[in-house]
Amino acid sequence: MDGLNGLAALTNLDLSGCTALANVDGLKSITALKSLKLNHCDVLADVDALKGLAALTSLDLNGCTALWTV
């Protein structure tokens, strides 16, 4: 997700169905992010990078079958 580095003011992002997405490390610089949809990202196993996103109020992880802890 290197292409998202310059989008610090982005507030909503929908990456639902991204079947190759294993982690969200590339999102940690998007500090204004309020809503994130990651539905059915089948291999997503790590969301630790979201810890620093204080503005995040809505997170949808429905169907992320490889994710065991949040």
Protein backbone atom coordinates (compact mmCIF):
# COMPACT_ATOMS: atom_id res chain seq x y z
CA MET A 1 0.00 0.00 0.00
CA ASP A 2 2.85 2.38 -0.70
CA GLY A 3 0.61 4.54 -2.87
CA LEU A 4 -1.40 5.71 0.16
CA ASN A 5 1.50 7.48 1.92
CA GLY A 6 0.50 10.94 0.66
CA LEU A 7 -3.13 10.63 1.75
CA ALA A 8 -2.87 11.64 5.41
CA ALA A 9 -6.18 13.57 5.21
CA LEU A 10 -8.18 10.59 3.89
CA THR A 11 -11.16 9.91 6.18
CA ASN A 12 -12.94 6.92 4.58
CA LEU A 13 -11.44 3.86 2.92
CA ASP A 14 -13.05 0.67 1.61
CA LEU A 15 -10.66 -2.17 0.85
CA SER A 16 -13.32 -4.88 1.05
CA GLY A 17 -12.58 -8.01 -0.92
CA CYS A 18 -8.83 -7.42 -1.22
CA THR A 19 -7.94 -11.10 -1.10
CA ALA A 20 -4.15 -10.51 -1.12
CA LEU A 21 -4.14 -8.03 1.80
CA ALA A 22 -2.24 -9.67 4.68
CA ASN A 23 -1.69 -6.61 6.91
CA VAL A 24 -2.57 -2.93 7.08
CA ASP A 25 0.88 -1.53 7.85
CA GLY A 26 0.58 0.90 4.95
CA LEU A 27 -2.35 2.66 6.64
CA LYS A 28 -0.57 3.80 9.80
CA SER A 29 0.28 7.20 8.28
CA ILE A 30 -3.36 7.99 7.44
CA THR A 31 -4.04 9.60 10.80
CA ALA A 32 -7.34 11.26 9.82
CA LEU A 33 -8.95 7.92 8.90
CA LYS A 34 -12.38 7.63 10.54
CA SER A 35 -13.97 4.72 8.69
CA LEU A 36 -12.27 1.59 7.36
CA LYS A 37 -13.97 -1.34 5.66
CA LEU A 38 -11.96 -4.53 5.24
CA ASN A 39 -14.80 -7.01 4.66
CA HIS A 40 -13.80 -10.40 3.29
CA CYS A 41 -10.07 -9.76 3.15
CA ASP A 42 -9.50 -13.50 3.46
CA VAL A 43 -5.77 -13.52 4.28
CA LEU A 44 -5.73 -10.43 6.52
CA ALA A 45 -4.05 -11.64 9.70
CA ASP A 46 -2.55 -8.50 11.26
CA VAL A 47 -4.23 -5.18 12.08
CA ASP A 48 -1.74 -3.97 14.70
CA ALA A 49 -0.90 -0.89 12.60
CA LEU A 50 -4.40 0.48 13.34
CA LYS A 51 -3.54 1.05 17.02
CA GLY A 52 -2.20 4.54 16.33
CA LEU A 53 -5.22 5.74 14.36
CA ALA A 54 -6.97 7.73 17.08
CA ALA A 55 -9.62 9.15 14.72
CA LEU A 56 -10.81 5.67 13.63
CA THR A 57 -14.38 5.22 14.88
CA SER A 58 -15.73 2.65 12.42
CA LEU A 59 -13.96 -0.59 11.53
CA ASP A 60 -15.59 -3.44 9.59
CA LEU A 61 -13.73 -6.75 9.61
CA ASN A 62 -16.65 -9.00 8.70
CA GLY A 63 -15.52 -12.13 6.92
CA CYS A 64 -11.79 -11.73 7.65
CA THR A 65 -11.37 -15.44 8.36
CA ALA A 66 -7.58 -15.39 8.94
CA LEU A 67 -7.86 -12.71 11.63
CA TRP A 68 -7.88 -14.15 15.15
CA THR A 69 -7.27 -11.10 17.36
CA VAL A 70 -7.91 -7.39 17.07
